[in-house]
N, C-alpha and C. Protein backbone atom coordinates (compact mmCIF):
# COMPACT_ATOMS: atom_id res chain seq x y z
N UNK A 1 -26.69 117.80 -98.13
CA UNK A 1 -25.47 117.93 -97.36
C UNK A 1 -25.49 119.27 -96.63
N UNK A 2 -25.25 119.24 -95.35
CA UNK A 2 -25.15 120.44 -94.55
C UNK A 2 -23.71 120.56 -94.08
N UNK A 3 -23.11 121.74 -94.31
CA UNK A 3 -21.74 121.99 -93.90
C UNK A 3 -21.71 123.17 -92.95
N UNK A 4 -21.09 123.01 -91.78
CA UNK A 4 -21.02 124.12 -90.85
C UNK A 4 -19.83 125.01 -91.18
N UNK A 5 -19.67 126.11 -90.43
CA UNK A 5 -18.62 127.07 -90.71
C UNK A 5 -17.21 126.51 -90.52
N UNK A 6 -17.08 125.38 -89.84
CA UNK A 6 -15.77 124.75 -89.65
C UNK A 6 -15.46 123.74 -90.75
N UNK A 7 -16.40 123.55 -91.68
CA UNK A 7 -16.19 122.62 -92.78
C UNK A 7 -16.66 121.21 -92.52
N UNK A 8 -17.26 120.96 -91.35
CA UNK A 8 -17.80 119.64 -91.05
C UNK A 8 -19.08 119.44 -91.85
N UNK A 9 -19.20 118.30 -92.51
CA UNK A 9 -20.37 118.06 -93.37
C UNK A 9 -21.11 116.80 -92.94
N UNK A 10 -22.43 116.88 -93.07
CA UNK A 10 -23.30 115.74 -92.82
C UNK A 10 -24.19 115.60 -94.05
N UNK A 11 -24.25 114.39 -94.60
CA UNK A 11 -25.07 114.14 -95.78
C UNK A 11 -26.15 113.13 -95.45
N UNK A 12 -27.35 113.44 -95.89
CA UNK A 12 -28.47 112.52 -95.69
C UNK A 12 -29.23 112.43 -96.99
N UNK A 13 -29.44 111.22 -97.49
CA UNK A 13 -30.24 111.02 -98.69
C UNK A 13 -31.65 110.66 -98.29
N UNK A 14 -32.61 111.25 -99.01
CA UNK A 14 -34.01 110.94 -98.76
C UNK A 14 -34.68 110.64 -100.08
N UNK A 15 -35.50 109.63 -100.09
CA UNK A 15 -36.31 109.32 -101.25
C UNK A 15 -37.72 109.76 -100.96
N UNK A 16 -38.31 110.50 -101.89
CA UNK A 16 -39.65 111.00 -101.70
C UNK A 16 -40.56 110.32 -102.70
N UNK A 17 -41.63 109.75 -102.20
CA UNK A 17 -42.64 109.14 -103.06
C UNK A 17 -43.97 109.76 -102.68
N UNK A 18 -44.63 110.35 -103.65
CA UNK A 18 -45.90 110.99 -103.40
C UNK A 18 -47.00 110.00 -103.77
N UNK A 19 -47.82 109.64 -102.79
CA UNK A 19 -48.92 108.70 -103.05
C UNK A 19 -50.19 109.26 -102.43
N UNK A 20 -51.30 108.78 -102.92
CA UNK A 20 -52.57 109.18 -102.34
C UNK A 20 -53.00 110.58 -102.69
N UNK A 21 -52.26 111.28 -103.54
CA UNK A 21 -52.66 112.63 -103.92
C UNK A 21 -53.81 112.56 -104.90
N UNK A 22 -54.75 113.44 -104.73
CA UNK A 22 -55.88 113.51 -105.64
C UNK A 22 -55.58 114.57 -106.68
N UNK A 23 -55.55 114.19 -107.94
CA UNK A 23 -55.28 115.14 -109.01
C UNK A 23 -56.45 116.10 -109.15
N UNK A 24 -56.14 117.36 -109.25
CA UNK A 24 -57.14 118.39 -109.49
C UNK A 24 -57.07 118.74 -110.96
N UNK A 25 -58.19 118.68 -111.62
CA UNK A 25 -58.23 119.01 -113.04
C UNK A 25 -57.91 120.49 -113.20
N UNK A 26 -56.89 120.79 -113.97
CA UNK A 26 -56.46 122.17 -114.20
C UNK A 26 -56.95 122.59 -115.58
N UNK A 27 -57.92 123.50 -115.65
CA UNK A 27 -58.46 123.91 -116.94
C UNK A 27 -57.43 124.62 -117.83
N UNK A 28 -56.33 125.07 -117.26
CA UNK A 28 -55.29 125.75 -118.04
C UNK A 28 -54.14 124.81 -118.42
N UNK A 29 -54.27 123.54 -118.12
CA UNK A 29 -53.19 122.58 -118.42
C UNK A 29 -52.75 122.71 -119.87
N UNK A 30 -51.44 122.76 -120.07
CA UNK A 30 -50.88 122.86 -121.41
C UNK A 30 -50.63 124.29 -121.87
N UNK A 31 -51.11 125.28 -121.12
CA UNK A 31 -50.88 126.67 -121.50
C UNK A 31 -49.76 127.26 -120.64
N UNK A 32 -49.05 128.23 -121.19
CA UNK A 32 -47.98 128.91 -120.48
C UNK A 32 -48.60 129.79 -119.40
N UNK A 33 -48.16 129.56 -118.15
CA UNK A 33 -48.73 130.28 -117.01
C UNK A 33 -47.85 130.04 -115.79
N UNK A 34 -48.25 130.61 -114.66
CA UNK A 34 -47.60 130.32 -113.38
C UNK A 34 -48.07 128.95 -112.92
N UNK A 35 -47.16 127.99 -112.89
CA UNK A 35 -47.47 126.62 -112.51
C UNK A 35 -47.55 126.41 -111.00
N UNK A 36 -47.01 127.31 -110.22
CA UNK A 36 -46.88 127.12 -108.77
C UNK A 36 -48.18 126.74 -108.06
N UNK A 37 -49.32 127.35 -108.39
CA UNK A 37 -50.54 127.01 -107.64
C UNK A 37 -50.97 125.54 -107.76
N UNK A 38 -50.52 124.83 -108.76
CA UNK A 38 -50.92 123.42 -108.92
C UNK A 38 -49.75 122.46 -108.68
N UNK A 39 -48.66 122.93 -108.10
CA UNK A 39 -47.48 122.11 -107.84
C UNK A 39 -47.28 121.92 -106.34
N UNK A 40 -46.42 120.97 -105.98
CA UNK A 40 -46.13 120.66 -104.59
C UNK A 40 -44.93 121.46 -104.10
N UNK A 41 -45.14 122.40 -103.15
CA UNK A 41 -44.01 123.16 -102.63
C UNK A 41 -43.09 122.28 -101.79
N UNK A 42 -41.79 122.51 -101.91
CA UNK A 42 -40.79 121.78 -101.12
C UNK A 42 -39.85 122.78 -100.47
N UNK A 43 -39.31 122.41 -99.33
CA UNK A 43 -38.36 123.27 -98.64
C UNK A 43 -37.47 122.40 -97.78
N UNK A 44 -36.24 122.82 -97.59
CA UNK A 44 -35.30 122.07 -96.78
C UNK A 44 -35.72 122.03 -95.32
N UNK A 45 -36.57 122.96 -94.90
CA UNK A 45 -37.02 122.98 -93.51
C UNK A 45 -38.53 123.06 -93.48
N UNK A 46 -39.17 121.97 -93.10
CA UNK A 46 -40.62 121.92 -93.09
C UNK A 46 -41.23 122.19 -91.71
N UNK A 47 -40.38 122.40 -90.70
CA UNK A 47 -40.88 122.66 -89.34
C UNK A 47 -40.21 123.90 -88.74
N UNK A 48 -40.41 125.07 -89.35
CA UNK A 48 -39.75 126.27 -88.82
C UNK A 48 -40.36 126.70 -87.49
N UNK A 49 -39.57 127.40 -86.69
CA UNK A 49 -40.04 127.88 -85.39
C UNK A 49 -40.09 129.40 -85.33
N UNK A 50 -39.78 130.08 -86.43
CA UNK A 50 -39.77 131.53 -86.46
C UNK A 50 -41.18 132.12 -86.48
N UNK A 51 -41.25 133.42 -86.71
CA UNK A 51 -42.52 134.13 -86.64
C UNK A 51 -43.28 134.16 -87.96
N UNK A 52 -42.71 133.61 -89.04
CA UNK A 52 -43.41 133.56 -90.32
C UNK A 52 -44.48 132.49 -90.34
N UNK A 53 -45.22 132.44 -91.45
CA UNK A 53 -46.25 131.41 -91.60
C UNK A 53 -45.63 130.02 -91.49
N UNK A 54 -46.36 129.11 -90.90
CA UNK A 54 -45.90 127.71 -90.81
C UNK A 54 -46.43 126.89 -91.98
N UNK A 55 -47.20 127.53 -92.86
CA UNK A 55 -47.81 126.87 -94.01
C UNK A 55 -46.99 127.16 -95.27
N UNK A 56 -46.27 126.14 -95.78
CA UNK A 56 -45.42 126.31 -96.96
C UNK A 56 -46.23 126.79 -98.16
N UNK A 57 -47.52 126.52 -98.19
CA UNK A 57 -48.34 126.92 -99.33
C UNK A 57 -48.52 128.44 -99.44
N UNK A 58 -48.05 129.18 -98.44
CA UNK A 58 -48.08 130.64 -98.53
C UNK A 58 -47.19 131.11 -99.69
N UNK A 59 -46.22 130.29 -100.13
CA UNK A 59 -45.32 130.70 -101.21
C UNK A 59 -45.96 130.61 -102.59
N UNK A 60 -47.16 130.02 -102.68
CA UNK A 60 -47.83 129.96 -103.99
C UNK A 60 -49.27 130.43 -103.92
N UNK A 61 -49.55 131.38 -103.02
CA UNK A 61 -50.92 131.88 -102.87
C UNK A 61 -51.19 133.13 -103.70
N UNK A 62 -50.19 133.60 -104.46
CA UNK A 62 -50.38 134.76 -105.32
C UNK A 62 -50.22 136.09 -104.62
N UNK A 63 -49.91 136.09 -103.32
CA UNK A 63 -49.76 137.33 -102.55
C UNK A 63 -48.29 137.61 -102.27
N UNK A 64 -47.88 138.85 -102.47
CA UNK A 64 -46.52 139.26 -102.10
C UNK A 64 -46.61 140.44 -101.15
N UNK A 65 -45.63 140.54 -100.30
CA UNK A 65 -45.61 141.66 -99.36
C UNK A 65 -46.51 141.41 -98.18
N UNK A 66 -46.70 142.46 -97.41
CA UNK A 66 -47.56 142.32 -96.23
C UNK A 66 -46.73 142.23 -94.98
N UNK A 67 -46.92 141.15 -94.25
CA UNK A 67 -46.22 140.99 -92.98
C UNK A 67 -45.72 139.59 -92.79
N UNK A 68 -45.43 139.27 -91.55
CA UNK A 68 -44.82 137.98 -91.20
C UNK A 68 -45.62 136.78 -91.68
N UNK A 69 -46.93 136.83 -91.57
CA UNK A 69 -47.73 135.67 -91.95
C UNK A 69 -47.90 135.54 -93.47
N UNK A 70 -47.39 136.51 -94.23
CA UNK A 70 -47.43 136.46 -95.69
C UNK A 70 -46.13 135.93 -96.26
N UNK A 71 -45.32 135.34 -95.43
CA UNK A 71 -44.03 134.79 -95.87
C UNK A 71 -43.71 133.54 -95.07
N UNK A 72 -42.86 132.71 -95.67
CA UNK A 72 -42.40 131.48 -95.02
C UNK A 72 -40.92 131.65 -94.77
N UNK A 73 -40.50 131.54 -93.52
CA UNK A 73 -39.06 131.57 -93.26
C UNK A 73 -38.65 130.29 -92.57
N UNK A 74 -37.39 129.94 -92.74
CA UNK A 74 -36.89 128.65 -92.26
C UNK A 74 -36.18 128.74 -90.92
N UNK A 75 -36.43 129.81 -90.18
CA UNK A 75 -35.78 129.98 -88.88
C UNK A 75 -36.09 128.79 -87.97
N UNK A 76 -35.03 128.22 -87.38
CA UNK A 76 -35.18 127.08 -86.44
C UNK A 76 -34.27 127.22 -85.24
N UNK A 77 -33.63 128.33 -85.09
CA UNK A 77 -32.65 128.49 -84.04
C UNK A 77 -31.32 128.87 -84.68
N UNK A 78 -30.30 128.88 -83.95
CA UNK A 78 -29.00 129.32 -84.48
C UNK A 78 -28.19 128.16 -85.01
N UNK A 79 -28.34 127.89 -86.30
CA UNK A 79 -27.58 126.81 -86.94
C UNK A 79 -26.37 127.32 -87.69
N UNK A 80 -26.29 128.61 -87.95
CA UNK A 80 -25.17 129.15 -88.70
C UNK A 80 -25.26 128.79 -90.17
N UNK A 81 -24.14 128.92 -90.87
CA UNK A 81 -24.11 128.74 -92.32
C UNK A 81 -24.37 127.29 -92.71
N UNK A 82 -25.36 127.08 -93.58
CA UNK A 82 -25.67 125.78 -94.14
C UNK A 82 -26.54 126.00 -95.38
N UNK A 83 -26.67 124.98 -96.19
CA UNK A 83 -27.43 125.09 -97.44
C UNK A 83 -28.92 124.83 -97.19
N UNK A 84 -29.75 125.66 -97.83
CA UNK A 84 -31.19 125.46 -97.77
C UNK A 84 -31.78 125.66 -99.16
N UNK A 85 -32.98 125.10 -99.37
CA UNK A 85 -33.63 125.25 -100.67
C UNK A 85 -35.13 125.46 -100.49
N UNK A 86 -35.73 126.00 -101.56
CA UNK A 86 -37.18 126.15 -101.65
C UNK A 86 -37.55 126.01 -103.12
N UNK A 87 -38.65 125.32 -103.39
CA UNK A 87 -39.07 125.14 -104.78
C UNK A 87 -40.32 124.30 -104.88
N UNK A 88 -40.41 123.56 -106.00
CA UNK A 88 -41.60 122.74 -106.27
C UNK A 88 -41.22 121.42 -106.93
N UNK A 89 -42.01 120.40 -106.65
CA UNK A 89 -42.01 119.17 -107.43
C UNK A 89 -43.27 119.20 -108.28
N UNK A 90 -43.16 118.72 -109.52
CA UNK A 90 -44.28 118.75 -110.46
C UNK A 90 -44.93 117.38 -110.52
N UNK A 91 -46.24 117.34 -110.74
CA UNK A 91 -46.93 116.05 -110.84
C UNK A 91 -46.73 115.42 -112.21
N UNK A 92 -46.27 116.22 -113.17
CA UNK A 92 -45.93 115.73 -114.51
C UNK A 92 -44.79 116.61 -115.03
N UNK A 93 -44.02 116.12 -115.97
CA UNK A 93 -42.91 116.92 -116.51
C UNK A 93 -43.44 118.23 -117.10
N UNK A 94 -42.69 119.30 -116.86
CA UNK A 94 -43.07 120.62 -117.35
C UNK A 94 -41.89 121.27 -118.07
N UNK A 95 -42.21 122.18 -118.98
CA UNK A 95 -41.21 123.01 -119.64
C UNK A 95 -41.29 124.38 -118.98
N UNK A 96 -40.18 124.80 -118.35
CA UNK A 96 -40.16 126.07 -117.63
C UNK A 96 -39.00 126.93 -118.12
N UNK A 97 -39.17 128.26 -118.00
CA UNK A 97 -38.12 129.17 -118.44
C UNK A 97 -37.95 130.41 -117.56
N UNK A 98 -38.78 130.55 -116.54
CA UNK A 98 -38.72 131.73 -115.69
C UNK A 98 -39.17 131.37 -114.27
N UNK A 99 -38.44 131.91 -113.30
CA UNK A 99 -38.82 131.82 -111.88
C UNK A 99 -38.91 133.26 -111.38
N UNK A 100 -39.98 133.59 -110.68
CA UNK A 100 -40.11 134.91 -110.06
C UNK A 100 -40.13 134.69 -108.55
N UNK A 101 -39.07 135.14 -107.90
CA UNK A 101 -38.84 134.91 -106.47
C UNK A 101 -39.03 136.22 -105.72
N UNK A 102 -40.02 136.27 -104.83
CA UNK A 102 -40.20 137.42 -103.95
C UNK A 102 -39.77 137.01 -102.56
N UNK A 103 -38.72 137.66 -102.08
CA UNK A 103 -38.23 137.36 -100.73
C UNK A 103 -39.28 137.73 -99.69
N UNK A 104 -39.12 137.14 -98.52
CA UNK A 104 -39.94 137.53 -97.38
C UNK A 104 -39.25 138.64 -96.62
N UNK A 105 -39.36 138.59 -95.32
CA UNK A 105 -38.80 139.63 -94.47
C UNK A 105 -37.32 139.36 -94.18
N UNK A 106 -36.58 140.45 -93.96
CA UNK A 106 -35.19 140.37 -93.53
C UNK A 106 -35.15 140.69 -92.04
N UNK A 107 -34.38 139.91 -91.32
CA UNK A 107 -34.21 140.11 -89.88
C UNK A 107 -32.73 140.33 -89.61
N UNK A 108 -32.37 140.84 -88.46
CA UNK A 108 -30.97 141.10 -88.17
C UNK A 108 -30.15 139.81 -88.17
N UNK A 109 -30.80 138.66 -87.98
CA UNK A 109 -30.07 137.39 -87.90
C UNK A 109 -30.30 136.47 -89.10
N UNK A 110 -30.96 136.97 -90.18
CA UNK A 110 -31.12 136.14 -91.38
C UNK A 110 -32.37 136.46 -92.17
N UNK A 111 -32.62 135.61 -93.17
CA UNK A 111 -33.80 135.77 -94.01
C UNK A 111 -33.45 135.92 -95.48
N UNK A 112 -32.25 135.47 -95.89
CA UNK A 112 -31.79 135.62 -97.27
C UNK A 112 -30.81 134.50 -97.61
N UNK A 113 -30.47 134.41 -98.90
CA UNK A 113 -29.39 133.52 -99.34
C UNK A 113 -28.10 134.33 -99.29
N UNK A 114 -27.06 133.80 -98.68
CA UNK A 114 -25.85 134.55 -98.38
C UNK A 114 -24.74 134.41 -99.41
N UNK A 115 -23.90 135.45 -99.45
CA UNK A 115 -22.60 135.40 -100.11
C UNK A 115 -22.57 135.01 -101.57
N UNK A 116 -23.59 135.35 -102.34
CA UNK A 116 -23.58 135.01 -103.76
C UNK A 116 -23.75 133.53 -104.03
N UNK A 117 -24.29 132.78 -103.06
CA UNK A 117 -24.40 131.32 -103.19
C UNK A 117 -25.67 130.86 -103.89
N UNK A 118 -26.61 131.76 -104.15
CA UNK A 118 -27.91 131.38 -104.69
C UNK A 118 -27.79 130.75 -106.08
N UNK A 119 -28.32 129.51 -106.20
CA UNK A 119 -28.31 128.78 -107.47
C UNK A 119 -29.73 128.35 -107.81
N UNK A 120 -29.94 128.07 -109.09
CA UNK A 120 -31.20 127.53 -109.58
C UNK A 120 -30.93 126.10 -110.03
N UNK A 121 -31.78 125.17 -109.58
CA UNK A 121 -31.62 123.77 -109.97
C UNK A 121 -32.95 123.23 -110.48
N UNK A 122 -32.85 122.31 -111.46
CA UNK A 122 -34.02 121.61 -112.00
C UNK A 122 -33.87 120.13 -111.71
N UNK A 123 -34.99 119.47 -111.47
CA UNK A 123 -34.99 118.02 -111.20
C UNK A 123 -35.22 117.32 -112.54
N UNK A 124 -34.14 116.73 -113.06
CA UNK A 124 -34.15 116.13 -114.39
C UNK A 124 -33.70 114.67 -114.28
N UNK A 125 -34.54 113.76 -114.73
CA UNK A 125 -34.22 112.33 -114.72
C UNK A 125 -33.72 111.86 -113.36
N UNK A 126 -34.39 112.30 -112.31
CA UNK A 126 -34.10 111.82 -110.97
C UNK A 126 -32.95 112.49 -110.24
N UNK A 127 -32.41 113.59 -110.79
CA UNK A 127 -31.29 114.28 -110.13
C UNK A 127 -31.46 115.79 -110.25
N UNK A 128 -30.99 116.51 -109.23
CA UNK A 128 -31.00 117.97 -109.28
C UNK A 128 -29.78 118.44 -110.05
N UNK A 129 -30.00 119.26 -111.09
CA UNK A 129 -28.91 119.79 -111.91
C UNK A 129 -28.98 121.31 -111.91
N UNK A 130 -27.81 121.94 -111.91
CA UNK A 130 -27.76 123.40 -111.91
C UNK A 130 -28.16 123.94 -113.27
N UNK A 131 -28.88 125.06 -113.25
CA UNK A 131 -29.38 125.70 -114.45
C UNK A 131 -28.72 127.08 -114.57
N UNK A 132 -28.12 127.36 -115.73
CA UNK A 132 -27.57 128.70 -115.98
C UNK A 132 -28.72 129.68 -116.10
N UNK A 133 -28.59 130.85 -115.45
CA UNK A 133 -29.69 131.79 -115.43
C UNK A 133 -29.18 133.22 -115.42
N UNK A 134 -30.09 134.13 -115.81
CA UNK A 134 -29.87 135.56 -115.63
C UNK A 134 -30.85 136.01 -114.55
N UNK A 135 -30.43 136.94 -113.69
CA UNK A 135 -31.28 137.40 -112.59
C UNK A 135 -31.42 138.91 -112.68
N UNK A 136 -32.67 139.38 -112.58
CA UNK A 136 -32.92 140.82 -112.63
C UNK A 136 -33.94 141.19 -111.54
N UNK A 137 -33.60 142.19 -110.70
CA UNK A 137 -32.28 142.80 -110.58
C UNK A 137 -31.29 141.78 -110.02
N UNK A 138 -30.03 142.11 -110.03
CA UNK A 138 -28.99 141.21 -109.53
C UNK A 138 -29.24 140.93 -108.05
N UNK A 139 -29.19 139.66 -107.68
CA UNK A 139 -29.39 139.28 -106.28
C UNK A 139 -28.17 139.73 -105.47
N UNK A 140 -28.38 140.35 -104.30
CA UNK A 140 -27.25 140.86 -103.51
C UNK A 140 -26.25 139.78 -103.11
N UNK A 141 -25.01 140.20 -102.96
CA UNK A 141 -23.92 139.31 -102.55
C UNK A 141 -23.40 139.82 -101.21
N UNK A 142 -23.88 139.24 -100.14
CA UNK A 142 -23.45 139.65 -98.80
C UNK A 142 -24.05 138.73 -97.77
N UNK A 143 -23.85 139.09 -96.49
CA UNK A 143 -24.43 138.27 -95.45
C UNK A 143 -24.83 139.09 -94.22
N UNK A 144 -25.31 140.30 -94.48
CA UNK A 144 -25.88 141.08 -93.38
C UNK A 144 -27.13 141.78 -93.90
N UNK A 145 -28.00 142.13 -93.00
CA UNK A 145 -29.26 142.75 -93.38
C UNK A 145 -29.04 143.99 -94.24
N UNK A 146 -27.99 144.74 -93.96
CA UNK A 146 -27.68 145.94 -94.71
C UNK A 146 -27.28 145.70 -96.15
N UNK A 147 -26.86 144.47 -96.49
CA UNK A 147 -26.47 144.14 -97.86
C UNK A 147 -27.68 143.95 -98.77
N UNK A 148 -28.85 143.77 -98.18
CA UNK A 148 -30.05 143.46 -98.94
C UNK A 148 -30.98 144.65 -98.99
N UNK A 149 -31.76 144.74 -100.04
CA UNK A 149 -32.69 145.85 -100.24
C UNK A 149 -33.91 145.73 -99.34
N UNK A 150 -34.99 146.24 -99.85
CA UNK A 150 -36.25 146.21 -99.11
C UNK A 150 -36.72 144.78 -98.89
N UNK A 151 -37.51 144.60 -97.87
CA UNK A 151 -38.19 143.32 -97.67
C UNK A 151 -39.16 143.11 -98.83
N UNK A 152 -39.47 141.87 -99.12
CA UNK A 152 -40.42 141.52 -100.18
C UNK A 152 -39.94 142.01 -101.56
N UNK A 153 -38.64 142.02 -101.76
CA UNK A 153 -38.10 142.41 -103.07
C UNK A 153 -38.24 141.23 -104.04
N UNK A 154 -38.52 141.54 -105.30
CA UNK A 154 -38.76 140.51 -106.31
C UNK A 154 -37.58 140.40 -107.27
N UNK A 155 -37.17 139.15 -107.54
CA UNK A 155 -36.06 138.84 -108.46
C UNK A 155 -36.59 137.88 -109.52
N UNK A 156 -36.32 138.18 -110.78
CA UNK A 156 -36.77 137.34 -111.88
C UNK A 156 -35.58 136.58 -112.46
N UNK A 157 -35.69 135.25 -112.47
CA UNK A 157 -34.66 134.36 -113.01
C UNK A 157 -35.14 133.89 -114.38
N UNK A 158 -34.39 134.19 -115.42
CA UNK A 158 -34.74 133.71 -116.75
C UNK A 158 -33.66 132.76 -117.22
N UNK A 159 -34.07 131.74 -118.00
CA UNK A 159 -33.13 130.71 -118.44
C UNK A 159 -33.70 130.03 -119.67
N UNK A 160 -32.84 129.30 -120.36
CA UNK A 160 -33.29 128.55 -121.52
C UNK A 160 -34.31 127.51 -121.07
N UNK A 161 -35.38 127.37 -121.84
CA UNK A 161 -36.44 126.43 -121.46
C UNK A 161 -35.87 125.05 -121.16
N UNK A 162 -36.32 124.48 -120.05
CA UNK A 162 -35.87 123.15 -119.64
C UNK A 162 -37.08 122.31 -119.27
N UNK A 163 -37.06 121.04 -119.68
CA UNK A 163 -38.10 120.09 -119.29
C UNK A 163 -37.63 119.39 -118.03
N UNK A 164 -38.45 119.46 -116.97
CA UNK A 164 -38.03 118.93 -115.68
C UNK A 164 -39.24 118.49 -114.87
N UNK A 165 -38.95 117.83 -113.75
CA UNK A 165 -39.99 117.36 -112.84
C UNK A 165 -39.99 118.13 -111.53
N UNK A 166 -39.20 119.19 -111.45
CA UNK A 166 -39.14 120.03 -110.27
C UNK A 166 -38.17 121.16 -110.50
N UNK A 167 -38.27 122.17 -109.66
CA UNK A 167 -37.38 123.34 -109.76
C UNK A 167 -37.18 123.89 -108.35
N UNK A 168 -35.97 124.39 -108.06
CA UNK A 168 -35.75 124.96 -106.74
C UNK A 168 -34.64 126.00 -106.77
N UNK A 169 -34.68 126.89 -105.78
CA UNK A 169 -33.59 127.81 -105.49
C UNK A 169 -32.85 127.20 -104.31
N UNK A 170 -31.52 127.24 -104.35
CA UNK A 170 -30.71 126.62 -103.31
C UNK A 170 -29.48 127.47 -103.06
N UNK A 171 -29.08 127.57 -101.81
CA UNK A 171 -27.89 128.34 -101.47
C UNK A 171 -27.66 128.32 -99.97
N UNK A 172 -26.64 129.05 -99.55
CA UNK A 172 -26.29 129.14 -98.14
C UNK A 172 -27.29 130.08 -97.44
N UNK A 173 -27.92 129.56 -96.40
CA UNK A 173 -28.88 130.36 -95.63
C UNK A 173 -28.14 131.49 -94.92
N UNK A 174 -28.72 132.69 -94.97
CA UNK A 174 -28.02 133.87 -94.50
C UNK A 174 -28.19 134.23 -93.04
N UNK A 175 -27.31 135.11 -92.60
CA UNK A 175 -27.34 135.65 -91.26
C UNK A 175 -26.72 134.72 -90.24
N UNK A 176 -26.59 135.21 -89.02
CA UNK A 176 -26.04 134.40 -87.93
C UNK A 176 -26.89 133.18 -87.63
N UNK A 177 -28.21 133.30 -87.82
CA UNK A 177 -29.11 132.18 -87.55
C UNK A 177 -29.23 131.24 -88.74
N UNK A 178 -28.78 131.65 -89.91
CA UNK A 178 -28.80 130.79 -91.09
C UNK A 178 -30.19 130.37 -91.51
N UNK A 179 -30.98 131.34 -92.04
CA UNK A 179 -32.30 130.98 -92.56
C UNK A 179 -32.66 131.86 -93.74
N UNK A 180 -33.64 131.38 -94.52
CA UNK A 180 -34.12 132.11 -95.70
C UNK A 180 -35.57 132.50 -95.47
N UNK A 181 -36.07 133.41 -96.29
CA UNK A 181 -37.49 133.78 -96.24
C UNK A 181 -38.02 133.92 -97.66
N UNK A 182 -39.27 133.50 -97.84
CA UNK A 182 -39.91 133.52 -99.16
C UNK A 182 -41.34 134.00 -99.02
N UNK A 183 -41.69 135.02 -99.77
CA UNK A 183 -43.08 135.47 -99.80
C UNK A 183 -43.84 134.76 -100.91
N UNK A 184 -43.21 134.66 -102.08
CA UNK A 184 -43.87 134.04 -103.23
C UNK A 184 -42.80 133.48 -104.16
N UNK A 185 -43.11 132.34 -104.77
CA UNK A 185 -42.21 131.72 -105.75
C UNK A 185 -43.07 131.25 -106.92
N UNK A 186 -43.02 132.01 -108.02
CA UNK A 186 -43.79 131.68 -109.22
C UNK A 186 -42.89 130.95 -110.21
N UNK A 187 -43.46 129.99 -110.93
CA UNK A 187 -42.73 129.20 -111.93
C UNK A 187 -43.50 129.31 -113.24
N UNK A 188 -42.89 129.93 -114.23
CA UNK A 188 -43.58 130.15 -115.51
C UNK A 188 -43.24 129.03 -116.49
N UNK A 189 -44.30 128.42 -117.05
CA UNK A 189 -44.10 127.33 -117.99
C UNK A 189 -45.40 126.64 -118.33
N UNK A 190 -45.29 125.41 -118.82
CA UNK A 190 -46.47 124.61 -119.20
C UNK A 190 -46.09 123.13 -119.11
N UNK A 191 -47.10 122.29 -118.99
CA UNK A 191 -46.88 120.85 -118.99
C UNK A 191 -46.19 120.45 -120.30
N UNK A 192 -45.30 119.46 -120.21
CA UNK A 192 -44.48 119.08 -121.36
C UNK A 192 -45.23 118.25 -122.39
N UNK A 193 -46.29 117.55 -122.00
CA UNK A 193 -46.95 116.65 -122.94
C UNK A 193 -47.95 117.33 -123.79
C-alpha cells in the first residue's frame, strides 16, 4: 500500500513464485552466520533511476561505505512520502535474531527512513508480521538530511529469535523525493532444519 501526503492510498497485491533457481551448496549451512550472501534480496523499487548502484545484490556483497556505486538507493523521481522496504526472502526457513543495516548515502532530497517509521518485519506462514526489536544506536527520527548522522552509518537490530522465510526493513521513504538508501544488510542466523 502506498499512501501519499494527502492520505490517498493505492494497494496492490503481488504473488511471488521463485522458479528455475539453481541451489548453490552452502558449506556453512546450519551454522550461525550472515545469511544474506545466500538469500534473495528484495526491495519495493527494483528499477531506481538515481545515481546509486542499479544492482540490488550490492546490499549483500560484504562491503560498506565507499561511494554511490557501493549503495542501492530507491530514487525514482519525486514521489513524496510513501512506504518502502528492503530485505531478503529465504530459500528455506531460517532462525534469525539480528539484522545489521548500513545505510547508504544521504542526499538533500532523501536516502533514509523518515519520521520514526522504520519497522522490522518477518515473513511467517505467508504473511509479513512486525517484529519487536532493539536498535543500537537509536535510528534517527526526522525527515531532513540534518536529522541523520554520517553516511554509511550502521544500525544493529536485535530481537528474539524467530523462524521465518524472509525478513525486511520497512518504513516511510525519507526526504522530498521519498527514497531510501542501503549499503549493506546483514541477517544473522541459521537454517531452521
